Amino acid sequence: MENPKHKTPTLEWSNVLIGFCFILLNVILSLLLGLDRDIPKSLLTAAVRCVIQLSVLTLVLGGVFKGGPWAVAALAIVFNVLGTFETVVNKSKRRFSHMFPSVLLAMGSSTLPVSIIGSQFAMSNRPFWVAESYIPILGMLCGSTISGIVVAVSSVLREIEENRDKVETYLAYGASRFEACKPIATEALRLALLPTINQMSVIGLISIPGMMTGALLGGSSIEQAAKLQMIIMFMISSSTALASTVATVMALSVSIDPEHRLRTDRVDNRPHAIWRTRDRWVANMVGAAKWLAHKGLRRDKGENGDQGERERLLPG
């Protein structure tokens, strides 16, 4: 007699709370080991963002799955815009001029064609815009592409800043801007693709990836789940390579102008303008609160002093 098919349990918020205990364990270990205080704060912030964002995504996907191809197209655009915002505002420590449109171009020119071609032909989805299959694919491509772009752009801007003399020497001897920066671009692309290469090297041998695990939990056969994961990994590799290449070229084009001059004035090492504005607002609010508290204390002391003076002047 065959065993009945395993039924996937229904998860409640209490299960999520239990899972959140693993984050608390990381926070406690970070505090006990005396690590930087930003690490526990980042862990908690990322965990809270994870819960909020996935909860919002649940509500959005419910409407997208019923909305047809136009809803899928709108969500694809939103994914790329939000991914660009996350890359430029939160992930990058160094930024170049016009980075937002450059990163948006890099993401859109890689995730959209790769996801469409891969879904239509490699996965044989007809039509390719079926939300239940296309949206998860696009989400995974955007996530991996963000990491690749951040690594590539950060490497390019760091190398240009640290090896400025070498680049200027190449330019002075007549090299074009791309000839002078070819070693920098090569190293940036190598670093951007390294995580994907390492992941493909150990997949199935040491780790079972998330897409295959989800397919197995959804009832697919082991063979189908494995083939699906192979296709996904190849798509991720292609999308990451395309996006990293475009972002690297754009960063070099801005950092070295058409007259072959190194333009470090176009590179900004400060926090993004959004966070600088937030910090100014917070500092102003804290300063105003301190001023009001100090003024209130002075008024209270003045009133108490006047009352004591009147009591001393009045006859007993």
C-alpha atoms as a PDB file:
ATOM      1  CA  MET A   1       0.000   0.000   0.000  1.00  0.00           C
ATOM      2  CA  GLU A   2       1.413   3.388  -0.990  1.00  0.00           C
ATOM      3  CA  ASN A   3       1.852   6.123   1.543  1.00  0.00           C
ATOM      4  CA  PRO A   4      -0.582   8.993   1.174  1.00  0.00           C
ATOM      5  CA  LYS A   5       0.832  12.126  -0.390  1.00  0.00           C
ATOM      6  CA  HIS A   6       2.265  14.557   2.122  1.00  0.00           C
ATOM      7  CA  LYS A   7       0.019  17.555   2.639  1.00  0.00           C
ATOM      8  CA  THR A   8       1.683  20.964   2.969  1.00  0.00           C
ATOM      9  CA  PRO A   9       0.774  22.433   6.383  1.00  0.00           C
ATOM     10  CA  THR A  10      -1.027  25.752   6.662  1.00  0.00           C
ATOM     11  CA  LEU A  11       1.251  28.342   8.246  1.00  0.00           C
ATOM     12  CA  GLU A  12      -0.016  30.977  10.662  1.00  0.00           C
ATOM     13  CA  TRP A  13       1.563  34.168  12.032  1.00  0.00           C
ATOM     14  CA  SER A  14       2.577  32.183  15.102  1.00  0.00           C
ATOM     15  CA  ASN A  15       4.832  30.113  12.825  1.00  0.00           C
ATOM     16  CA  VAL A  16       6.378  33.302  11.457  1.00  0.00           C
ATOM     17  CA  LEU A  17       6.987  34.480  15.020  1.00  0.00           C
ATOM     18  CA  ILE A  18       8.792  31.232  15.804  1.00  0.00           C
ATOM     19  CA  GLY A  19      10.929  31.697  12.707  1.00  0.00           C
ATOM     20  CA  PHE A  20      11.690  35.261  13.821  1.00  0.00           C
ATOM     21  CA  CYS A  21      13.389  33.780  16.891  1.00  0.00           C
ATOM     22  CA  PHE A  22      16.294  32.805  14.631  1.00  0.00           C
ATOM     23  CA  ILE A  23      16.829  36.507  13.875  1.00  0.00           C
ATOM     24  CA  LEU A  24      16.753  37.256  17.594  1.00  0.00           C
ATOM     25  CA  LEU A  25      19.413  34.563  18.070  1.00  0.00           C
ATOM     26  CA  ASN A  26      21.640  36.348  15.552  1.00  0.00           C
ATOM     27  CA  VAL A  27      21.087  39.660  17.332  1.00  0.00           C
ATOM     28  CA  ILE A  28      21.970  38.152  20.730  1.00  0.00           C
ATOM     29  CA  LEU A  29      25.123  36.545  19.342  1.00  0.00           C
ATOM     30  CA  SER A  30      26.165  39.844  17.747  1.00  0.00           C
ATOM     31  CA  LEU A  31      25.749  41.658  21.057  1.00  0.00           C
ATOM     32  CA  LEU A  32      27.580  38.981  23.045  1.00  0.00           C
ATOM     33  CA  LEU A  33      30.495  38.986  20.602  1.00  0.00           C
ATOM     34  CA  GLY A  34      30.733  42.760  20.827  1.00  0.00           C
ATOM     35  CA  LEU A  35      30.202  43.340  17.120  1.00  0.00           C
ATOM     36  CA  ASP A  36      29.339  46.677  15.629  1.00  0.00           C
ATOM     37  CA  ARG A  37      25.978  47.925  16.876  1.00  0.00           C
ATOM     38  CA  ASP A  38      24.894  48.502  13.285  1.00  0.00           C
ATOM     39  CA  ILE A  39      24.799  44.734  12.708  1.00  0.00           C
ATOM     40  CA  PRO A  40      21.958  43.930  15.176  1.00  0.00           C
ATOM     41  CA  LYS A  41      20.108  47.034  13.999  1.00  0.00           C
ATOM     42  CA  SER A  42      20.493  45.995  10.366  1.00  0.00           C
ATOM     43  CA  LEU A  43      19.296  42.476  11.134  1.00  0.00           C
ATOM     44  CA  LEU A  44      16.139  43.683  12.862  1.00  0.00           C
ATOM     45  CA  THR A  45      15.454  46.315  10.214  1.00  0.00           C
ATOM     46  CA  ALA A  46      15.876  43.813   7.396  1.00  0.00           C
ATOM     47  CA  ALA A  47      13.634  41.283   9.150  1.00  0.00           C
ATOM     48  CA  VAL A  48      10.864  43.838   9.687  1.00  0.00           C
ATOM     49  CA  ARG A  49      11.163  44.973   6.076  1.00  0.00           C
ATOM     50  CA  CYS A  50      10.958  41.356   4.964  1.00  0.00           C
ATOM     51  CA  VAL A  51       7.679  40.833   6.824  1.00  0.00           C
ATOM     52  CA  ILE A  52       6.125  44.096   5.603  1.00  0.00           C
ATOM     53  CA  GLN A  53       7.247  43.715   1.995  1.00  0.00           C
ATOM     54  CA  LEU A  54       6.106  40.107   1.673  1.00  0.00           C
ATOM     55  CA  SER A  55       2.768  40.985   3.255  1.00  0.00           C
ATOM     56  CA  VAL A  56       2.269  43.793   0.741  1.00  0.00           C
ATOM     57  CA  LEU A  57       3.410  41.504  -2.094  1.00  0.00           C
ATOM     58  CA  THR A  58       0.780  38.961  -1.044  1.00  0.00           C
ATOM     59  CA  LEU A  59      -1.949  41.561  -1.461  1.00  0.00           C
ATOM     60  CA  VAL A  60      -0.550  42.811  -4.772  1.00  0.00           C
ATOM     61  CA  LEU A  61      -0.095  39.369  -6.321  1.00  0.00           C
ATOM     62  CA  GLY A  62      -3.678  38.474  -5.505  1.00  0.00           C
ATOM     63  CA  GLY A  63      -4.844  41.244  -7.832  1.00  0.00           C
ATOM     64  CA  VAL A  64      -2.149  40.653 -10.443  1.00  0.00           C
ATOM     65  CA  PHE A  65      -3.038  36.974 -10.831  1.00  0.00           C
ATOM     66  CA  LYS A  66      -6.575  38.072 -11.733  1.00  0.00           C
ATOM     67  CA  GLY A  67      -5.636  41.121 -13.802  1.00  0.00           C
ATOM     68  CA  GLY A  68      -4.266  39.601 -16.993  1.00  0.00           C
ATOM     69  CA  PRO A  69      -1.183  40.571 -19.041  1.00  0.00           C
ATOM     70  CA  TRP A  70      -1.422  44.330 -18.385  1.00  0.00           C
ATOM     71  CA  ALA A  71      -1.243  43.776 -14.653  1.00  0.00           C
ATOM     72  CA  VAL A  72       1.786  41.524 -15.170  1.00  0.00           C
ATOM     73  CA  ALA A  73       3.473  44.197 -17.318  1.00  0.00           C
ATOM     74  CA  ALA A  74       2.790  46.872 -14.703  1.00  0.00           C
ATOM     75  CA  LEU A  75       4.235  44.703 -11.929  1.00  0.00           C
ATOM     76  CA  ALA A  76       7.311  43.949 -14.061  1.00  0.00           C
ATOM     77  CA  ILE A  77       7.949  47.687 -14.412  1.00  0.00           C
ATOM     78  CA  VAL A  78       7.410  48.207 -10.686  1.00  0.00           C
ATOM     79  CA  PHE A  79       9.902  45.420  -9.892  1.00  0.00           C
ATOM     80  CA  ASN A  80      12.578  47.066 -12.026  1.00  0.00           C
ATOM     81  CA  VAL A  81      11.957  50.555 -10.635  1.00  0.00           C
ATOM     82  CA  LEU A  82      11.998  49.338  -7.023  1.00  0.00           C
ATOM     83  CA  GLY A  83      15.104  47.268  -7.738  1.00  0.00           C
ATOM     84  CA  THR A  84      16.820  50.331  -9.161  1.00  0.00           C
ATOM     85  CA  PHE A  85      15.801  52.392  -6.127  1.00  0.00           C
ATOM     86  CA  GLU A  86      17.148  49.724  -3.774  1.00  0.00           C
ATOM     87  CA  THR A  87      20.426  49.552  -5.702  1.00  0.00           C
ATOM     88  CA  VAL A  88      21.041  53.290  -5.897  1.00  0.00           C
ATOM     89  CA  VAL A  89      19.667  54.460  -2.553  1.00  0.00           C
ATOM     90  CA  ASN A  90      20.311  51.613  -0.116  1.00  0.00           C
ATOM     91  CA  LYS A  91      22.951  49.270  -1.480  1.00  0.00           C
ATOM     92  CA  SER A  92      25.568  51.472  -3.126  1.00  0.00           C
ATOM     93  CA  LYS A  93      28.142  53.269  -0.988  1.00  0.00           C
ATOM     94  CA  ARG A  94      29.528  55.139  -4.018  1.00  0.00           C
ATOM     95  CA  ARG A  95      27.375  56.675  -6.716  1.00  0.00           C
ATOM     96  CA  PHE A  96      28.010  58.364 -10.041  1.00  0.00           C
ATOM     97  CA  SER A  97      26.044  61.077 -11.782  1.00  0.00           C
ATOM     98  CA  HIS A  98      22.785  59.929 -13.391  1.00  0.00           C
ATOM     99  CA  MET A  99      23.124  56.558 -11.710  1.00  0.00           C
ATOM    100  CA  PHE A 100      19.380  55.949 -11.357  1.00  0.00           C
ATOM    101  CA  PRO A 101      18.531  55.959 -15.094  1.00  0.00           C
ATOM    102  CA  SER A 102      21.726  54.025 -15.836  1.00  0.00           C
ATOM    103  CA  VAL A 103      20.868  51.253 -13.380  1.00  0.00           C
ATOM    104  CA  LEU A 104      17.244  51.217 -14.545  1.00  0.00           C
ATOM    105  CA  LEU A 105      18.475  50.725 -18.118  1.00  0.00           C
ATOM    106  CA  ALA A 106      20.793  47.930 -16.988  1.00  0.00           C
ATOM    107  CA  MET A 107      18.025  46.120 -15.120  1.00  0.00           C
ATOM    108  CA  GLY A 108      15.357  46.580 -17.767  1.00  0.00           C
ATOM    109  CA  SER A 109      17.621  45.511 -20.639  1.00  0.00           C
ATOM    110  CA  SER A 110      18.521  42.274 -18.838  1.00  0.00           C
ATOM    111  CA  THR A 111      15.641  41.046 -16.681  1.00  0.00           C
ATOM    112  CA  LEU A 112      12.820  41.696 -19.168  1.00  0.00           C
ATOM    113  CA  PRO A 113      14.242  40.024 -22.318  1.00  0.00           C
ATOM    114  CA  VAL A 114      15.780  37.128 -20.394  1.00  0.00           C
ATOM    115  CA  SER A 115      12.553  36.465 -18.468  1.00  0.00           C
ATOM    116  CA  ILE A 116      10.400  36.682 -21.608  1.00  0.00           C
ATOM    117  CA  ILE A 117      12.608  34.458 -23.766  1.00  0.00           C
ATOM    118  CA  GLY A 118      13.250  32.009 -20.936  1.00  0.00           C
ATOM    119  CA  SER A 119       9.588  31.704 -19.997  1.00  0.00           C
ATOM    120  CA  GLN A 120       8.387  31.412 -23.598  1.00  0.00           C
ATOM    121  CA  PHE A 121      10.963  29.002 -25.002  1.00  0.00           C
ATOM    122  CA  ALA A 122      13.069  27.394 -22.237  1.00  0.00           C
ATOM    123  CA  MET A 123      10.106  26.753 -19.921  1.00  0.00           C
ATOM    124  CA  SER A 124       7.530  26.346 -22.707  1.00  0.00           C
ATOM    125  CA  ASN A 125       4.993  28.621 -21.026  1.00  0.00           C
ATOM    126  CA  ARG A 126       2.293  29.590 -23.520  1.00  0.00           C
ATOM    127  CA  PRO A 127       1.711  32.495 -23.217  1.00  0.00           C
ATOM    128  CA  PHE A 128       4.796  33.648 -21.329  1.00  0.00           C
ATOM    129  CA  TRP A 129       2.904  36.238 -19.243  1.00  0.00           C
ATOM    130  CA  VAL A 130       1.038  33.698 -17.108  1.00  0.00           C
ATOM    131  CA  ALA A 131       1.401  35.438 -13.750  1.00  0.00           C
ATOM    132  CA  GLU A 132       1.784  32.313 -11.618  1.00  0.00           C
ATOM    133  CA  SER A 133       5.015  31.395 -13.427  1.00  0.00           C
ATOM    134  CA  TYR A 134       6.330  34.662 -14.904  1.00  0.00           C
ATOM    135  CA  ILE A 135       6.235  36.861 -11.786  1.00  0.00           C
ATOM    136  CA  PRO A 136       8.333  34.499  -9.589  1.00  0.00           C
ATOM    137  CA  ILE A 137      10.863  34.144 -12.414  1.00  0.00           C
ATOM    138  CA  LEU A 138      11.142  37.908 -12.855  1.00  0.00           C
ATOM    139  CA  GLY A 139      11.463  38.400  -9.094  1.00  0.00           C
ATOM    140  CA  MET A 140      14.395  36.013  -8.872  1.00  0.00           C
ATOM    141  CA  LEU A 141      16.121  37.648 -11.830  1.00  0.00           C
ATOM    142  CA  CYS A 142      15.695  41.119 -10.311  1.00  0.00           C
ATOM    143  CA  GLY A 143      17.098  39.981  -6.955  1.00  0.00           C
ATOM    144  CA  SER A 144      20.223  38.466  -8.470  1.00  0.00           C
ATOM    145  CA  THR A 145      20.664  41.359 -10.886  1.00  0.00           C
ATOM    146  CA  ILE A 146      20.657  43.884  -8.035  1.00  0.00           C
ATOM    147  CA  SER A 147      23.523  42.062  -6.339  1.00  0.00           C
ATOM    148  CA  GLY A 148      25.529  41.883  -9.560  1.00  0.00           C
ATOM    149  CA  ILE A 149      25.083  45.571 -10.354  1.00  0.00           C
ATOM    150  CA  VAL A 150      26.030  46.648  -6.833  1.00  0.00           C
ATOM    151  CA  VAL A 151      29.214  44.577  -6.881  1.00  0.00           C
ATOM    152  CA  ALA A 152      30.216  45.699 -10.374  1.00  0.00           C
ATOM    153  CA  VAL A 153      29.588  49.427  -9.878  1.00  0.00           C
ATOM    154  CA  SER A 154      31.159  49.479  -6.407  1.00  0.00           C
ATOM    155  CA  SER A 155      34.263  47.759  -7.761  1.00  0.00           C
ATOM    156  CA  VAL A 156      34.573  50.178 -10.697  1.00  0.00           C
ATOM    157  CA  LEU A 157      34.205  53.328  -8.588  1.00  0.00           C
ATOM    158  CA  ARG A 158      36.519  52.029  -5.875  1.00  0.00           C
ATOM    159  CA  GLU A 159      39.253  51.086  -8.334  1.00  0.00           C
ATOM    160  CA  ILE A 160      39.015  54.416 -10.122  1.00  0.00           C
ATOM    161  CA  GLU A 161      39.377  56.246  -6.823  1.00  0.00           C
ATOM    162  CA  GLU A 162      42.212  54.104  -5.461  1.00  0.00           C
ATOM    163  CA  ASN A 163      44.121  53.718  -8.773  1.00  0.00           C
ATOM    164  CA  ARG A 164      43.537  57.187 -10.128  1.00  0.00           C
ATOM    165  CA  ASP A 165      47.221  57.746 -10.923  1.00  0.00           C
ATOM    166  CA  LYS A 166      47.444  54.554 -12.957  1.00  0.00           C
ATOM    167  CA  VAL A 167      44.349  55.396 -15.000  1.00  0.00           C
ATOM    168  CA  GLU A 168      45.570  58.941 -15.655  1.00  0.00           C
ATOM    169  CA  THR A 169      48.945  57.577 -16.760  1.00  0.00           C
ATOM    170  CA  TYR A 170      47.273  55.320 -19.330  1.00  0.00           C
ATOM    171  CA  LEU A 171      45.194  58.237 -20.569  1.00  0.00           C
ATOM    172  CA  ALA A 172      48.262  60.492 -20.786  1.00  0.00           C
ATOM    173  CA  TYR A 173      50.020  57.939 -23.017  1.00  0.00           C
ATOM    174  CA  GLY A 174      47.146  58.010 -25.484  1.00  0.00           C
ATOM    175  CA  ALA A 175      44.928  55.162 -24.324  1.00  0.00           C
ATOM    176  CA  SER A 176      41.201  55.589 -24.796  1.00  0.00           C
ATOM    177  CA  ARG A 177      39.013  55.646 -21.711  1.00  0.00           C
ATOM    178  CA  PHE A 178      37.882  52.071 -22.257  1.00  0.00           C
ATOM    179  CA  GLU A 179      41.426  50.860 -22.950  1.00  0.00           C
ATOM    180  CA  ALA A 180      42.628  52.503 -19.736  1.00  0.00           C
ATOM    181  CA  CYS A 181      39.796  50.999 -17.726  1.00  0.00           C
ATOM    182  CA  LYS A 182      39.693  47.544 -19.302  1.00  0.00           C
ATOM    183  CA  PRO A 183      41.428  45.846 -16.315  1.00  0.00           C
ATOM    184  CA  ILE A 184      39.018  47.596 -13.946  1.00  0.00           C
ATOM    185  CA  ALA A 185      35.996  46.494 -15.966  1.00  0.00           C
ATOM    186  CA  THR A 186      37.275  42.921 -16.235  1.00  0.00           C
ATOM    187  CA  GLU A 187      37.765  42.639 -12.479  1.00  0.00           C
ATOM    188  CA  ALA A 188      34.372  44.212 -11.783  1.00  0.00           C
ATOM    189  CA  LEU A 189      32.561  41.736 -14.021  1.00  0.00           C
ATOM    190  CA  ARG A 190      34.499  38.830 -12.518  1.00  0.00           C
ATOM    191  CA  LEU A 191      33.433  39.841  -9.012  1.00  0.00           C
ATOM    192  CA  ALA A 192      29.834  40.387 -10.114  1.00  0.00           C
ATOM    193  CA  LEU A 193      29.546  36.926 -11.672  1.00  0.00           C
ATOM    194  CA  LEU A 194      31.502  35.092  -8.991  1.00  0.00           C
ATOM    195  CA  PRO A 195      28.532  34.441  -6.624  1.00  0.00           C
ATOM    196  CA  THR A 196      26.435  33.004  -9.462  1.00  0.00           C
ATOM    197  CA  ILE A 197      29.306  30.818 -10.643  1.00  0.00           C
ATOM    198  CA  ASN A 198      29.911  29.534  -7.125  1.00  0.00           C
ATOM    199  CA  GLN A 199      26.211  28.854  -6.652  1.00  0.00           C
ATOM    200  CA  MET A 200      26.022  26.828  -9.873  1.00  0.00           C
ATOM    201  CA  SER A 201      29.147  24.931  -8.826  1.00  0.00           C
ATOM    202  CA  VAL A 202      27.647  23.630  -5.570  1.00  0.00           C
ATOM    203  CA  ILE A 203      23.967  23.442  -6.497  1.00  0.00           C
ATOM    204  CA  GLY A 204      22.568  19.953  -6.129  1.00  0.00           C
ATOM    205  CA  LEU A 205      25.784  18.736  -4.522  1.00  0.00           C
ATOM    206  CA  ILE A 206      25.801  20.676  -1.270  1.00  0.00           C
ATOM    207  CA  SER A 207      22.597  22.735  -1.381  1.00  0.00           C
ATOM    208  CA  ILE A 208      19.059  22.325  -2.683  1.00  0.00           C
ATOM    209  CA  PRO A 209      18.052  25.711  -4.139  1.00  0.00           C
ATOM    210  CA  GLY A 210      14.860  27.530  -3.300  1.00  0.00           C
ATOM    211  CA  MET A 211      13.129  27.185  -6.680  1.00  0.00           C
ATOM    212  CA  MET A 212      13.592  23.415  -6.688  1.00  0.00           C
ATOM    213  CA  THR A 213      12.417  23.207  -3.097  1.00  0.00           C
ATOM    214  CA  GLY A 214       9.308  25.216  -3.937  1.00  0.00           C
ATOM    215  CA  ALA A 215       8.546  23.021  -6.934  1.00  0.00           C
ATOM    216  CA  LEU A 216       8.880  19.890  -4.817  1.00  0.00           C
ATOM    217  CA  LEU A 217       6.624  21.331  -2.140  1.00  0.00           C
ATOM    218  CA  GLY A 218       4.146  22.263  -4.856  1.00  0.00           C
ATOM    219  CA  GLY A 219       3.877  18.663  -5.987  1.00  0.00           C
ATOM    220  CA  SER A 220       6.198  18.546  -9.023  1.00  0.00           C
ATOM    221  CA  SER A 221       8.288  15.487  -9.705  1.00  0.00           C
ATOM    222  CA  ILE A 222      11.939  15.507  -8.713  1.00  0.00           C
ATOM    223  CA  GLU A 223      13.055  15.379 -12.337  1.00  0.00           C
ATOM    224  CA  GLN A 224      10.850  18.319 -13.352  1.00  0.00           C
ATOM    225  CA  ALA A 225      11.964  20.344 -10.334  1.00  0.00           C
ATOM    226  CA  ALA A 226      15.629  19.726 -11.180  1.00  0.00           C
ATOM    227  CA  LYS A 227      15.164  20.762 -14.834  1.00  0.00           C
ATOM    228  CA  LEU A 228      13.287  23.870 -13.757  1.00  0.00           C
ATOM    229  CA  GLN A 229      16.133  24.834 -11.415  1.00  0.00           C
ATOM    230  CA  MET A 230      18.709  24.326 -14.174  1.00  0.00           C
ATOM    231  CA  ILE A 231      16.834  26.710 -16.460  1.00  0.00           C
ATOM    232  CA  ILE A 232      16.417  29.276 -13.678  1.00  0.00           C
ATOM    233  CA  MET A 233      20.137  29.249 -12.850  1.00  0.00           C
ATOM    234  CA  PHE A 234      21.095  29.726 -16.497  1.00  0.00           C
ATOM    235  CA  MET A 235      18.657  32.641 -16.768  1.00  0.00           C
ATOM    236  CA  ILE A 236      20.019  34.215 -13.587  1.00  0.00           C
ATOM    237  CA  SER A 237      23.577  33.910 -14.895  1.00  0.00           C
ATOM    238  CA  SER A 238      22.653  35.550 -18.208  1.00  0.00           C
ATOM    239  CA  SER A 239      20.636  38.352 -16.614  1.00  0.00           C
ATOM    240  CA  THR A 240      23.359  39.139 -14.079  1.00  0.00           C
ATOM    241  CA  ALA A 241      26.042  39.216 -16.776  1.00  0.00           C
ATOM    242  CA  LEU A 242      24.025  41.534 -19.044  1.00  0.00           C
ATOM    243  CA  ALA A 243      23.061  43.930 -16.260  1.00  0.00           C
ATOM    244  CA  SER A 244      26.570  44.046 -14.799  1.00  0.00           C
ATOM    245  CA  THR A 245      28.082  44.732 -18.219  1.00  0.00           C
ATOM    246  CA  VAL A 246      25.694  47.599 -18.973  1.00  0.00           C
ATOM    247  CA  ALA A 247      26.139  49.109 -15.492  1.00  0.00           C
ATOM    248  CA  THR A 248      29.924  48.843 -15.745  1.00  0.00           C
ATOM    249  CA  VAL A 249      30.009  50.562 -19.136  1.00  0.00           C
ATOM    250  CA  MET A 250      27.714  53.321 -17.900  1.00  0.00           C
ATOM    251  CA  ALA A 251      29.828  53.882 -14.772  1.00  0.00           C
ATOM    252  CA  LEU A 252      33.033  54.109 -16.826  1.00  0.00           C
ATOM    253  CA  SER A 253      31.390  56.430 -19.359  1.00  0.00           C
ATOM    254  CA  VAL A 254      30.415  58.854 -16.612  1.00  0.00           C
ATOM    255  CA  SER A 255      33.651  58.593 -14.612  1.00  0.00           C
ATOM    256  CA  ILE A 256      35.792  59.275 -17.709  1.00  0.00           C
ATOM    257  CA  ASP A 257      34.311  61.774 -20.163  1.00  0.00           C
ATOM    258  CA  PRO A 258      34.575  61.641 -23.998  1.00  0.00           C
ATOM    259  CA  GLU A 259      37.646  63.898 -23.822  1.00  0.00           C
ATOM    260  CA  HIS A 260      39.380  61.077 -21.871  1.00  0.00           C
ATOM    261  CA  ARG A 261      39.523  63.020 -18.631  1.00  0.00           C
ATOM    262  CA  LEU A 262      39.034  61.377 -15.265  1.00  0.00           C
ATOM    263  CA  ARG A 263      36.019  63.009 -13.610  1.00  0.00           C
ATOM    264  CA  THR A 264      36.126  62.140  -9.935  1.00  0.00           C
ATOM    265  CA  ASP A 265      33.801  65.089  -9.314  1.00  0.00           C
ATOM    266  CA  ARG A 266      31.014  62.937 -10.768  1.00  0.00           C
ATOM    267  CA  VAL A 267      31.474  60.286  -8.053  1.00  0.00           C
ATOM    268  CA  ASP A 268      29.795  60.823  -4.693  1.00  0.00           C
ATOM    269  CA  ASN A 269      30.896  58.919  -1.581  1.00  0.00           C
ATOM    270  CA  ARG A 270      28.303  60.479   0.711  1.00  0.00           C
ATOM    271  CA  PRO A 271      25.046  58.820   1.760  1.00  0.00           C
ATOM    272  CA  HIS A 272      22.216  59.307  -0.673  1.00  0.00           C
ATOM    273  CA  ALA A 273      20.423  62.664  -0.652  1.00  0.00           C
ATOM    274  CA  ILE A 274      17.328  60.997   0.802  1.00  0.00           C
ATOM    275  CA  TRP A 275      19.216  59.861   3.894  1.00  0.00           C
ATOM    276  CA  ARG A 276      21.039  63.188   4.226  1.00  0.00           C
ATOM    277  CA  THR A 277      17.690  64.976   4.165  1.00  0.00           C
ATOM    278  CA  ARG A 278      16.299  62.550   6.718  1.00  0.00           C
ATOM    279  CA  ASP A 279      19.271  63.093   9.009  1.00  0.00           C
ATOM    280  CA  ARG A 280      18.856  66.873   8.760  1.00  0.00           C
ATOM    281  CA  TRP A 281      15.167  66.613   9.609  1.00  0.00           C
ATOM    282  CA  VAL A 282      15.869  64.348  12.563  1.00  0.00           C
ATOM    283  CA  ALA A 283      18.634  66.651  13.810  1.00  0.00           C
ATOM    284  CA  ASN A 284      16.332  69.679  13.491  1.00  0.00           C
ATOM    285  CA  MET A 285      13.504  67.890  15.303  1.00  0.00           C
ATOM    286  CA  VAL A 286      15.817  66.788  18.107  1.00  0.00           C
ATOM    287  CA  GLY A 287      17.240  70.310  18.384  1.00  0.00           C
ATOM    288  CA  ALA A 288      13.748  71.817  18.512  1.00  0.00           C
ATOM    289  CA  ALA A 289      12.666  69.324  21.177  1.00  0.00           C
ATOM    290  CA  LYS A 290      15.738  70.128  23.292  1.00  0.00           C
ATOM    291  CA  TRP A 291      15.113  73.879  22.902  1.00  0.00           C
ATOM    292  CA  LEU A 292      11.470  73.542  23.955  1.00  0.00           C
ATOM    293  CA  ALA A 293      12.417  71.337  26.925  1.00  0.00           C
ATOM    294  CA  HIS A 294      15.116  73.792  28.001  1.00  0.00           C
ATOM    295  CA  LYS A 295      12.740  76.742  27.632  1.00  0.00           C
ATOM    296  CA  GLY A 296      10.089  74.932  29.696  1.00  0.00           C
ATOM    297  CA  LEU A 297      12.572  74.198  32.483  1.00  0.00           C
ATOM    298  CA  ARG A 298      13.698  77.825  32.575  1.00  0.00           C
ATOM    299  CA  ARG A 299      10.077  78.988  32.767  1.00  0.00           C
ATOM    300  CA  ASP A 300       9.325  76.581  35.605  1.00  0.00           C
ATOM    301  CA  LYS A 301      12.404  77.702  37.515  1.00  0.00           C
ATOM    302  CA  GLY A 302      11.456  81.348  36.963  1.00  0.00           C
ATOM    303  CA  GLU A 303       7.927  80.824  38.222  1.00  0.00           C
ATOM    304  CA  ASN A 304       9.173  78.940  41.307  1.00  0.00           C
ATOM    305  CA  GLY A 305      11.700  81.694  42.011  1.00  0.00           C
ATOM    306  CA  ASP A 306       9.076  84.452  41.721  1.00  0.00           C
ATOM    307  CA  GLN A 307       6.731  82.569  44.028  1.00  0.00           C
ATOM    308  CA  GLY A 308       9.466  82.161  46.663  1.00  0.00           C
ATOM    309  CA  GLU A 309      10.360  85.831  46.407  1.00  0.00           C
ATOM    310  CA  ARG A 310       6.717  86.813  46.995  1.00  0.00           C
ATOM    311  CA  GLU A 311       6.492  84.502  49.999  1.00  0.00           C
ATOM    312  CA  ARG A 312       9.579  86.130  51.559  1.00  0.00           C
ATOM    313  CA  LEU A 313       8.195  89.642  51.001  1.00  0.00           C
ATOM    314  CA  LEU A 314       4.747  88.942  52.441  1.00  0.00           C
ATOM    315  CA  PRO A 315       4.464  89.329  56.242  1.00  0.00           C
ATOM    316  CA  GLY A 316       4.094  86.128  58.174  1.00  0.00           C
END
